Structures are given as structure tokens and as C-alpha cells.
N, C-alpha and C. Protein backbone atom coordinates (compact mmCIF):
# COMPACT_ATOMS: atom_id res chain seq x y z
N MET A 1 4.29 -7.37 -0.31
CA MET A 1 3.51 -6.19 -0.62
C MET A 1 3.53 -5.90 -2.12
N ASN A 2 4.70 -6.03 -2.77
CA ASN A 2 4.76 -5.73 -4.19
C ASN A 2 3.91 -6.69 -5.01
N ALA A 3 3.81 -7.94 -4.57
CA ALA A 3 2.97 -8.90 -5.29
C ALA A 3 1.50 -8.48 -5.18
N ASP A 4 1.09 -8.01 -3.99
CA ASP A 4 -0.28 -7.52 -3.82
C ASP A 4 -0.54 -6.31 -4.71
N TYR A 5 0.42 -5.41 -4.76
CA TYR A 5 0.30 -4.21 -5.59
C TYR A 5 0.15 -4.61 -7.06
N GLU A 6 1.00 -5.52 -7.53
CA GLU A 6 0.94 -5.95 -8.93
C GLU A 6 -0.41 -6.60 -9.25
N GLU A 7 -0.88 -7.47 -8.36
CA GLU A 7 -2.15 -8.16 -8.60
C GLU A 7 -3.32 -7.18 -8.60
N LEU A 8 -3.36 -6.30 -7.61
CA LEU A 8 -4.47 -5.34 -7.54
C LEU A 8 -4.44 -4.36 -8.70
N SER A 9 -3.26 -3.92 -9.10
CA SER A 9 -3.14 -3.02 -10.25
C SER A 9 -3.65 -3.70 -11.52
N ALA A 10 -3.30 -4.98 -11.69
CA ALA A 10 -3.74 -5.73 -12.86
C ALA A 10 -5.26 -5.89 -12.89
N ARG A 11 -5.88 -5.85 -11.72
CA ARG A 11 -7.34 -5.97 -11.63
C ARG A 11 -8.04 -4.61 -11.74
N GLY A 12 -7.25 -3.56 -11.94
CA GLY A 12 -7.84 -2.25 -12.17
C GLY A 12 -7.93 -1.33 -10.97
N VAL A 13 -7.29 -1.70 -9.86
CA VAL A 13 -7.30 -0.83 -8.69
C VAL A 13 -6.48 0.42 -8.99
N GLU A 14 -7.04 1.58 -8.66
CA GLU A 14 -6.36 2.86 -8.90
C GLU A 14 -5.52 3.24 -7.68
N PHE A 15 -4.21 3.03 -7.77
CA PHE A 15 -3.33 3.39 -6.67
C PHE A 15 -2.96 4.86 -6.75
N MET A 16 -3.06 5.53 -5.63
CA MET A 16 -2.67 6.93 -5.54
C MET A 16 -1.17 7.04 -5.24
N GLU A 17 -0.64 6.06 -4.50
CA GLU A 17 0.78 5.99 -4.16
C GLU A 17 1.24 4.55 -4.33
N LYS A 18 2.31 4.34 -5.05
CA LYS A 18 2.89 3.00 -5.17
C LYS A 18 3.51 2.61 -3.83
N PRO A 19 3.71 1.31 -3.58
CA PRO A 19 4.34 0.90 -2.33
C PRO A 19 5.71 1.57 -2.15
N GLU A 20 5.93 2.09 -0.94
CA GLU A 20 7.18 2.80 -0.64
C GLU A 20 7.63 2.44 0.77
N SER A 21 8.93 2.25 0.94
CA SER A 21 9.47 1.97 2.27
C SER A 21 9.41 3.22 3.13
N ARG A 22 8.95 3.03 4.34
CA ARG A 22 8.87 4.10 5.33
C ARG A 22 9.50 3.55 6.61
N PRO A 23 9.74 4.39 7.61
CA PRO A 23 10.38 3.89 8.84
C PRO A 23 9.59 2.77 9.54
N TYR A 24 8.29 2.73 9.38
CA TYR A 24 7.44 1.75 10.06
C TYR A 24 7.07 0.55 9.18
N GLY A 25 7.39 0.60 7.88
CA GLY A 25 7.06 -0.51 6.99
C GLY A 25 6.89 -0.04 5.56
N ILE A 26 6.16 -0.82 4.78
CA ILE A 26 5.90 -0.49 3.38
C ILE A 26 4.46 0.01 3.30
N ASP A 27 4.24 1.14 2.63
CA ASP A 27 2.96 1.81 2.67
C ASP A 27 2.54 2.23 1.26
N SER A 28 1.25 2.17 0.97
CA SER A 28 0.71 2.66 -0.30
C SER A 28 -0.74 3.07 -0.07
N SER A 29 -1.33 3.76 -1.05
CA SER A 29 -2.73 4.13 -0.92
C SER A 29 -3.45 3.94 -2.24
N PHE A 30 -4.77 3.71 -2.14
CA PHE A 30 -5.59 3.51 -3.32
C PHE A 30 -7.01 3.96 -3.03
N ARG A 31 -7.84 4.01 -4.07
CA ARG A 31 -9.25 4.35 -3.92
C ARG A 31 -10.10 3.15 -4.29
N ASP A 32 -11.20 2.98 -3.54
CA ASP A 32 -12.14 1.92 -3.89
C ASP A 32 -13.12 2.45 -4.94
N PRO A 33 -14.00 1.59 -5.48
CA PRO A 33 -14.92 2.03 -6.53
C PRO A 33 -15.84 3.18 -6.11
N SER A 34 -16.06 3.36 -4.81
CA SER A 34 -16.90 4.46 -4.32
C SER A 34 -16.11 5.75 -4.12
N GLY A 35 -14.78 5.69 -4.34
CA GLY A 35 -13.94 6.87 -4.18
C GLY A 35 -13.33 7.04 -2.81
N ASN A 36 -13.54 6.07 -1.93
CA ASN A 36 -12.94 6.15 -0.59
C ASN A 36 -11.44 5.92 -0.68
N HIS A 37 -10.68 6.69 0.07
CA HIS A 37 -9.22 6.60 0.09
C HIS A 37 -8.83 5.58 1.16
N LEU A 38 -8.08 4.54 0.77
CA LEU A 38 -7.65 3.48 1.68
C LEU A 38 -6.13 3.33 1.63
N ARG A 39 -5.56 2.77 2.69
CA ARG A 39 -4.12 2.53 2.75
C ARG A 39 -3.88 1.03 2.89
N LEU A 40 -2.82 0.58 2.23
CA LEU A 40 -2.36 -0.81 2.34
C LEU A 40 -0.96 -0.73 2.92
N MET A 41 -0.74 -1.39 4.05
CA MET A 41 0.53 -1.29 4.73
C MET A 41 1.03 -2.66 5.17
N GLN A 42 2.32 -2.86 5.05
CA GLN A 42 2.97 -4.05 5.60
C GLN A 42 3.94 -3.54 6.66
N ARG A 43 3.66 -3.85 7.89
CA ARG A 43 4.46 -3.36 9.02
C ARG A 43 5.76 -4.14 9.13
N THR A 44 6.82 -3.45 9.51
CA THR A 44 8.10 -4.10 9.77
C THR A 44 8.50 -3.85 11.21
N ASP A 45 9.38 -4.67 11.72
CA ASP A 45 9.86 -4.48 13.08
C ASP A 45 10.73 -3.24 13.14
N VAL A 46 10.48 -2.40 14.11
CA VAL A 46 11.25 -1.19 14.30
C VAL A 46 12.01 -1.33 15.62
N PRO A 47 13.34 -1.17 15.59
CA PRO A 47 14.10 -1.28 16.85
C PRO A 47 13.66 -0.21 17.85
N VAL A 48 13.56 -0.61 19.10
CA VAL A 48 13.16 0.32 20.17
C VAL A 48 14.42 0.93 20.78
N GLY A 49 14.39 2.26 20.97
CA GLY A 49 15.49 2.95 21.65
C GLY A 49 16.57 3.24 20.77
């Protein structure tokens, strides 16, 4: 995920949130050229129970 963040940032993508670990995985958000808010997530295995 961090490599994707670095590459996209270098290409001028405006990230609203840098990648951050969350209980379900690594999550970040950015805007596309039209201003739409999108999320980039890498899911991790979460133990059940």
C-alpha cells in the first residue's frame, strides 16, 4: 500500500488521508481530477471471535 501511495503522490494525486492501519486493514482517501472522494484500501485478515 505504501508503494502505491508513494507512486500516486509522485504523479500528483491529492491524498486527503495518508495510509493508516485500521482494524480491517490499511486505508487512505484521495480525490480524482473531478473532485470525487475515493478510498484506497488493503484488507488484512481479521481473526473471528
